[in-house]
N, C-alpha and C. Protein backbone atom coordinates (compact mmCIF):
# COMPACT_ATOMS: atom_id res chain seq x y z
N MET A 1 109.05 146.47 100.23
CA MET A 1 109.80 146.57 99.26
C MET A 1 110.66 148.07 98.58
N ASP A 2 111.50 147.51 99.20
CA ASP A 2 112.56 148.91 99.20
C ASP A 2 112.99 149.90 98.55
N LYS A 3 113.03 150.72 98.01
CA LYS A 3 114.09 152.00 96.93
C LYS A 3 114.23 152.46 97.24
N VAL A 4 115.12 152.11 95.74
CA VAL A 4 116.61 152.32 95.74
C VAL A 4 116.59 153.57 94.89
N SER A 5 117.26 155.17 94.59
CA SER A 5 117.59 155.60 93.54
C SER A 5 119.21 155.61 93.89
N GLY A 6 119.83 156.39 92.42
CA GLY A 6 121.58 156.22 91.65
C GLY A 6 121.36 157.73 91.07
N ARG A 7 122.23 158.41 90.91
CA ARG A 7 122.87 159.17 90.10
C ARG A 7 123.81 159.61 90.05
N LEU A 8 124.21 159.94 89.09
CA LEU A 8 125.70 159.59 88.52
C LEU A 8 126.24 161.24 88.02
N THR A 9 127.09 162.37 88.47
CA THR A 9 127.08 163.46 87.45
C THR A 9 128.70 162.88 87.50
N VAL A 10 128.98 163.37 85.88
CA VAL A 10 130.15 163.60 85.64
C VAL A 10 130.28 165.30 85.55
N PHE A 11 131.63 165.55 85.42
CA PHE A 11 131.76 166.76 86.05
C PHE A 11 133.42 166.45 85.47
N PHE A 12 134.17 167.65 84.80
CA PHE A 12 135.39 167.83 84.65
C PHE A 12 136.00 168.50 86.12
N GLU A 13 136.72 168.18 86.55
CA GLU A 13 137.60 168.49 87.66
C GLU A 13 139.48 168.12 87.81
N GLU A 14 140.08 169.36 87.61
CA GLU A 14 140.56 170.06 86.90
C GLU A 14 142.00 168.35 87.15
N PRO A 15 142.79 168.06 86.19
CA PRO A 15 142.83 168.06 85.24
C PRO A 15 142.07 165.91 84.40
N PHE A 16 141.12 165.60 84.98
CA PHE A 16 140.51 164.76 84.70
C PHE A 16 139.41 164.95 85.48
N TRP A 17 138.24 163.95 84.18
CA TRP A 17 137.22 163.82 84.53
C TRP A 17 136.68 162.63 85.26
N VAL A 18 136.11 162.95 86.06
CA VAL A 18 135.25 162.80 87.30
C VAL A 18 133.70 162.52 88.08
N GLY A 19 133.25 161.28 87.81
CA GLY A 19 132.05 160.79 88.56
C GLY A 19 131.61 160.51 89.65
N VAL A 20 130.57 160.65 90.25
CA VAL A 20 130.32 160.73 91.27
C VAL A 20 128.87 160.14 91.59
N LEU A 21 128.41 159.22 91.64
CA LEU A 21 127.75 157.93 92.10
C LEU A 21 126.84 157.89 93.28
N GLU A 22 125.92 158.56 93.20
CA GLU A 22 125.09 158.94 94.75
C GLU A 22 123.53 157.77 94.59
N CYS A 23 123.90 156.88 95.44
CA CYS A 23 122.56 156.02 95.94
C CYS A 23 122.06 156.07 96.98
N ILE A 24 121.07 156.47 96.84
CA ILE A 24 119.72 156.85 98.04
C ILE A 24 119.21 155.45 98.62
N SER A 25 119.40 154.85 99.49
CA SER A 25 117.96 153.01 100.06
C SER A 25 118.41 152.97 101.41
N ASP A 26 116.95 153.00 102.11
CA ASP A 26 116.42 153.06 102.76
C ASP A 26 117.11 153.29 104.01
N GLY A 27 116.83 155.37 103.17
CA GLY A 27 117.44 156.94 103.74
C GLY A 27 118.28 157.47 104.18
N LYS A 28 118.97 156.67 103.61
CA LYS A 28 121.13 156.82 103.60
C LYS A 28 121.09 157.17 102.90
N LEU A 29 121.70 157.45 101.99
CA LEU A 29 123.11 158.31 101.06
C LEU A 29 124.14 157.43 101.11
N TYR A 30 124.16 157.09 99.80
CA TYR A 30 125.98 155.75 99.79
C TYR A 30 126.67 156.86 98.59
N VAL A 31 128.38 156.86 98.33
CA VAL A 31 128.08 157.80 97.95
C VAL A 31 129.46 156.77 97.07
N CYS A 32 130.25 156.89 95.87
CA CYS A 32 131.31 156.81 95.68
C CYS A 32 132.03 158.13 94.54
N LYS A 33 133.38 158.08 94.47
CA LYS A 33 133.96 158.80 93.99
C LYS A 33 134.90 158.00 92.31
N VAL A 34 135.08 158.18 91.38
CA VAL A 34 135.69 157.82 90.55
C VAL A 34 136.13 158.50 89.10
N THR A 35 137.20 158.61 89.17
CA THR A 35 137.98 159.37 87.77
C THR A 35 138.22 158.75 86.65
N PHE A 36 137.91 159.43 86.07
CA PHE A 36 138.18 158.92 84.42
C PHE A 36 138.75 159.25 83.85
N GLY A 37 139.37 159.58 83.25
CA GLY A 37 140.48 160.30 82.72
C GLY A 37 140.57 161.69 81.50
N ALA A 38 139.58 161.28 80.74
CA ALA A 38 139.68 161.47 79.33
C ALA A 38 137.53 161.48 79.40
N GLU A 39 137.34 162.79 78.90
CA GLU A 39 136.02 163.29 79.23
C GLU A 39 135.56 161.09 78.26
N PRO A 40 134.71 160.69 79.10
CA PRO A 40 133.56 159.38 78.81
C PRO A 40 132.52 159.73 77.73
N LYS A 41 132.99 158.63 77.27
CA LYS A 41 131.38 158.96 76.44
C LYS A 41 130.02 158.53 76.70
N ASP A 42 128.84 158.26 75.82
CA ASP A 42 128.00 157.83 77.13
C ASP A 42 127.43 156.18 77.46
N TYR A 43 128.20 155.74 76.42
CA TYR A 43 128.41 154.25 76.11
C TYR A 43 129.49 153.78 76.88
N GLU A 44 130.17 154.62 77.21
CA GLU A 44 131.67 153.90 78.59
C GLU A 44 131.05 154.14 79.11
N ILE A 45 130.76 155.33 79.90
CA ILE A 45 130.02 155.21 81.28
C ILE A 45 128.42 153.87 80.98
N TYR A 46 128.35 154.01 81.21
CA TYR A 46 127.05 153.00 80.79
C TYR A 46 128.10 151.25 80.68
N ASP A 47 129.36 151.24 80.15
CA ASP A 47 129.65 150.06 80.68
C ASP A 47 130.37 150.16 81.83
N PHE A 48 130.67 151.14 81.53
CA PHE A 48 131.35 151.57 83.29
C PHE A 48 130.65 150.68 84.48
N ILE A 49 130.18 150.73 84.59
CA ILE A 49 128.81 150.90 85.35
C ILE A 49 128.53 149.48 85.55
N LEU A 50 128.03 148.55 84.56
CA LEU A 50 127.82 146.82 84.46
C LEU A 50 129.06 146.74 85.02
N LYS A 51 130.30 146.67 84.49
CA LYS A 51 131.06 146.33 84.64
C LYS A 51 131.84 145.85 86.48
N HIS A 52 131.85 147.28 86.39
CA HIS A 52 132.73 147.62 87.81
C HIS A 52 131.79 147.72 89.19
N TYR A 53 130.79 147.88 88.93
CA TYR A 53 129.55 148.32 89.81
C TYR A 53 130.14 147.98 91.18
N PHE A 54 130.87 146.43 91.45
CA PHE A 54 129.97 145.95 92.66
C PHE A 54 131.94 145.53 92.87
N ARG A 55 132.55 146.23 92.38
CA ARG A 55 133.67 146.70 93.12
C ARG A 55 134.32 148.23 92.97
N LEU A 56 132.72 148.85 93.21
CA LEU A 56 133.23 150.14 93.74
C LEU A 56 133.69 150.80 95.52
N ARG A 57 133.70 151.09 95.74
CA ARG A 57 133.85 151.65 97.64
C ARG A 57 133.49 152.78 98.01
N PHE A 58 132.02 152.06 98.14
CA PHE A 58 130.91 153.96 98.78
C PHE A 58 131.51 153.98 99.41
N SER A 59 131.70 155.23 100.14
CA SER A 59 132.10 155.36 101.28
C SER A 59 130.67 155.22 102.54
N PRO A 60 130.74 155.30 104.48
CA PRO A 60 130.31 155.57 104.59
C PRO A 60 128.34 156.29 104.64
N SER A 61 127.77 155.35 105.72
CA SER A 61 126.10 156.45 105.17
C SER A 61 126.66 157.15 105.75
N VAL A 62 125.47 158.13 104.32
CA VAL A 62 125.01 159.05 105.64
C VAL A 62 123.31 159.52 105.55
N ALA A 63 123.09 159.92 106.76
CA ALA A 63 121.35 160.30 106.93
C ALA A 63 121.16 161.24 105.57
N ALA A 64 120.36 160.67 104.75
CA ALA A 64 119.22 161.62 103.90
C ALA A 64 117.52 161.46 103.58
N ASP A 65 117.02 162.74 103.43
CA ASP A 65 115.95 163.08 103.22
C ASP A 65 115.69 161.72 102.41
N VAL A 66 114.90 161.94 101.53
CA VAL A 66 114.34 160.91 100.49
C VAL A 66 113.00 161.00 99.97
N LYS A 67 112.63 161.59 98.71
CA LYS A 67 112.12 162.73 97.76
C LYS A 67 111.11 161.67 97.05
N GLU A 68 109.88 161.99 97.39
CA GLU A 68 109.46 161.35 96.52
C GLU A 68 108.97 162.11 94.48
N ALA A 69 109.70 161.69 93.90
CA ALA A 69 109.39 162.20 92.70
C ALA A 69 108.17 162.87 92.05
N GLY A 70 108.02 163.97 91.60
CA GLY A 70 106.96 164.35 91.23
C GLY A 70 105.92 163.77 89.70
N ARG A 71 105.53 163.45 89.79
CA ARG A 71 104.00 163.24 87.89
C ARG A 71 103.97 163.66 87.52
N ASN A 72 104.32 165.10 87.60
CA ASN A 72 103.94 166.20 86.71
C ASN A 72 104.86 165.87 85.05
N PRO A 73 105.00 165.43 84.23
CA PRO A 73 106.33 165.10 83.70
C PRO A 73 106.95 166.36 82.50
N LYS A 74 107.40 167.86 82.66
CA LYS A 74 106.78 168.75 82.46
C LYS A 74 108.32 169.05 83.72
N ARG A 75 107.20 169.22 84.31
CA ARG A 75 108.48 169.98 85.98
C ARG A 75 109.69 168.51 85.85
N LEU A 76 109.10 167.67 85.90
CA LEU A 76 110.21 166.70 86.03
C LEU A 76 111.63 166.99 84.83
N GLN A 77 110.74 167.32 83.71
CA GLN A 77 112.27 167.79 82.73
C GLN A 77 113.62 168.39 83.17
N ARG A 78 112.39 169.91 84.09
CA ARG A 78 112.51 171.14 83.89
C ARG A 78 113.52 170.83 86.16
N GLU A 79 113.18 169.85 86.29
CA GLU A 79 114.25 169.63 87.14
C GLU A 79 115.94 169.12 86.78
N VAL A 80 115.84 168.26 85.86
CA VAL A 80 116.79 167.30 85.16
C VAL A 80 117.17 168.68 84.59
N ARG A 81 116.72 169.22 83.87
CA ARG A 81 117.28 169.30 83.23
C ARG A 81 118.40 170.72 84.68
N LYS A 82 118.09 170.84 85.10
CA LYS A 82 118.59 172.35 85.91
C LYS A 82 119.84 171.64 86.66
N GLN A 83 119.45 170.29 86.99
CA GLN A 83 120.56 169.79 88.40
C GLN A 83 121.47 169.32 86.63
N VAL A 84 121.46 169.06 85.95
CA VAL A 84 122.05 169.09 84.11
C VAL A 84 122.89 170.67 84.41
N GLN A 85 123.16 171.82 84.69
CA GLN A 85 123.13 173.06 84.26
C GLN A 85 123.43 173.40 85.91
N LYS A 86 123.48 172.94 86.97
CA LYS A 86 124.13 172.91 88.44
C LYS A 86 125.25 172.65 87.25
N ALA A 87 126.82 172.64 87.96
CA ALA A 87 128.41 172.41 89.09
C ALA A 87 128.41 172.32 89.59
N GLY A 88 129.06 170.52 90.26
CA GLY A 88 129.35 170.53 91.40
C GLY A 88 128.50 169.26 91.86
N ILE A 89 128.29 169.06 92.94
CA ILE A 89 127.81 167.60 93.20
C ILE A 89 127.06 168.48 94.65
N GLY A 90 126.31 167.54 94.98
CA GLY A 90 125.44 167.83 96.43
C GLY A 90 126.11 167.84 97.98
N THR A 91 125.93 168.41 98.71
CA THR A 91 126.43 168.81 100.38
C THR A 91 126.82 168.38 100.64
N LYS A 92 125.40 166.78 99.89
CA LYS A 92 125.72 165.86 101.68
C LYS A 92 126.75 163.93 100.61
N SER A 93 126.32 164.74 99.51
CA SER A 93 127.96 164.19 98.92
C SER A 93 129.17 164.34 98.59
N GLN A 94 129.31 165.28 98.86
CA GLN A 94 130.49 165.70 100.07
C GLN A 94 131.37 165.66 100.73
N GLN A 95 129.67 165.68 101.80
CA GLN A 95 130.23 164.92 103.41
C GLN A 95 130.42 163.76 104.12
N ALA A 96 129.75 162.61 102.30
CA ALA A 96 130.31 161.30 102.41
C ALA A 96 131.56 160.96 102.19
N LEU A 97 132.06 161.70 100.27
CA LEU A 97 133.14 161.47 100.38
C LEU A 97 133.82 162.20 100.95
N LYS A 98 134.13 163.57 101.65
CA LYS A 98 135.17 163.58 102.89
C LYS A 98 134.98 162.53 103.46
N LEU A 99 133.83 161.57 104.46
CA LEU A 99 134.39 160.57 105.73
C LEU A 99 135.04 159.73 104.97
N GLN A 100 134.81 159.62 103.45
CA GLN A 100 135.66 157.78 103.42
C GLN A 100 136.86 158.47 103.64
N GLN A 101 136.70 159.26 102.99
CA GLN A 101 138.30 159.93 102.66
C GLN A 101 138.95 160.33 104.34
N GLU A 102 138.54 160.76 105.02
CA GLU A 102 139.43 160.14 106.57
C GLU A 102 139.82 158.75 106.91
N LEU A 103 138.04 158.32 106.64
CA LEU A 103 138.33 156.73 106.72
C LEU A 103 139.50 155.59 105.86
N LEU A 104 140.06 155.89 105.17
CA LEU A 104 141.00 155.72 104.18
C LEU A 104 142.52 155.70 104.78
N LYS A 105 142.21 157.44 104.84
CA LYS A 105 143.55 158.26 104.96
C LYS A 105 143.85 158.00 107.00
N THR A 106 142.99 157.09 107.91
CA THR A 106 143.54 156.53 109.02
C THR A 106 143.84 155.23 108.88
N GLU A 107 143.04 154.70 108.00
CA GLU A 107 143.31 153.07 107.14
C GLU A 107 144.28 153.06 106.96
N ARG A 108 145.00 154.47 106.16
CA ARG A 108 146.77 154.03 105.86
C ARG A 108 147.18 154.69 106.89
N LYS A 109 147.18 155.70 107.59
CA LYS A 109 148.66 155.79 108.58
C LYS A 109 148.64 155.06 109.39
N THR A 110 147.65 153.97 110.08
CA THR A 110 147.61 152.61 110.93
C THR A 110 148.37 151.80 110.35
N VAL A 111 148.42 151.38 109.76
CA VAL A 111 148.81 150.25 108.79
C VAL A 111 150.38 150.20 108.28
N SER A 112 150.92 151.80 107.62
CA SER A 112 152.73 152.40 107.83
C SER A 112 152.94 152.55 108.94
N ARG A 113 152.06 152.88 110.44
CA ARG A 113 152.56 152.42 111.84
C ARG A 113 153.02 151.29 112.03
N GLU A 114 152.32 150.90 111.83
CA GLU A 114 152.32 149.28 112.05
C GLU A 114 153.83 148.23 111.22
N ARG A 115 154.37 149.05 109.73
CA ARG A 115 154.60 148.44 109.11
C ARG A 115 155.66 149.42 109.94
N ARG A 116 155.82 150.75 109.82
CA ARG A 116 157.22 150.85 110.50
C ARG A 116 157.60 150.02 111.42
N GLU A 117 156.59 149.76 112.97
CA GLU A 117 157.82 149.30 113.90
C GLU A 117 157.74 148.37 113.87
N ALA A 118 157.31 147.61 113.04
CA ALA A 118 157.86 145.93 112.60
C ALA A 118 159.30 146.35 111.71
N GLU A 119 159.38 147.22 111.20
CA GLU A 119 160.71 147.35 110.64
C GLU A 119 161.86 147.68 111.50
N LYS A 120 161.17 148.91 112.77
CA LYS A 120 161.68 149.17 113.33
C LYS A 120 162.44 147.87 115.06
N GLN A 121 161.16 147.28 114.74
CA GLN A 121 161.40 145.28 115.34
C GLN A 121 162.80 144.82 115.56
N ARG A 122 162.45 144.99 113.95
CA ARG A 122 163.63 143.80 113.40
C ARG A 122 164.75 144.05 113.54
N GLN A 123 164.93 145.65 112.66
CA GLN A 123 166.23 146.07 113.06
C GLN A 123 166.72 146.07 114.20
N PHE A 124 166.11 145.95 115.50
CA PHE A 124 166.42 145.48 116.29
C PHE A 124 166.96 144.73 116.51
N GLU A 125 166.12 143.78 116.62
CA GLU A 125 166.24 141.85 117.38
C GLU A 125 168.17 141.36 115.98
N LEU A 126 167.98 142.14 115.21
CA LEU A 126 169.27 142.16 114.04
C LEU A 126 170.46 142.37 114.47
N LYS A 127 169.78 144.03 115.00
CA LYS A 127 171.52 143.61 115.94
C LYS A 127 171.59 144.01 116.75
N GLN A 128 170.80 142.76 118.61
CA GLN A 128 171.01 142.13 119.19
C GLN A 128 171.29 140.20 118.85
N GLN A 129 171.62 140.11 117.04
CA GLN A 129 171.80 139.25 117.58
C GLN A 129 173.20 139.18 117.02
N LYS A 130 173.84 140.12 115.92
CA LYS A 130 174.77 140.60 115.71
C LYS A 130 175.57 141.06 117.37
N ARG A 131 175.47 142.03 117.90
CA ARG A 131 175.76 141.50 119.26
C ARG A 131 176.08 140.20 120.02
N LYS A 132 174.92 139.64 119.95
CA LYS A 132 175.51 138.60 120.48
C LYS A 132 176.75 136.97 120.50
N GLU A 133 176.29 137.51 118.42
CA GLU A 133 177.76 136.33 118.04
C GLU A 133 178.99 137.49 118.43
N LYS A 134 179.03 138.74 118.35
CA LYS A 134 180.88 139.13 118.39
C LYS A 134 181.16 138.89 119.71
N HIS A 135 180.05 138.67 120.99
CA HIS A 135 180.23 138.72 122.71
C HIS A 135 180.40 136.89 121.68
N ARG A 136 180.22 135.90 121.35
CA ARG A 136 180.49 134.36 121.75
C ARG A 136 181.71 134.54 120.57
N GLY A 137 181.97 135.23 120.48
CA GLY A 137 183.44 135.84 119.24
C GLY A 137 183.86 134.39 118.20
N ARG A 138 182.87 135.07 116.79
CA ARG A 138 181.93 133.82 115.81
C ARG A 138 182.99 135.37 114.81
């Protein structure tokens, strides 16, 4: 059985509250960024995850080293406290988000280029049709 772990980090990124959901599965890291707006309460975050998890668009996978969690509860509690106090998100997560952003950007560019070419072709055909009608004397 494969072990899957996830972590949600919520922080304030001017002017909105942003959540970064990191999932590690099969040694690969998947990241999704969610903009909340106003500061979300714990129950709102839980409700959002339950309702919208399968609609989230995760970034392409990035190789990540999987660490086994320590069994000492005091050490575990200290690590959690350090993670909560640490501002920002991990570098691997930032790389994954940047990769997702670049992919969406290229996808947007190709779609807009195709749309622009189709519009040019339509205008050209319309102009050719008008020229033919003029030539026929209509």
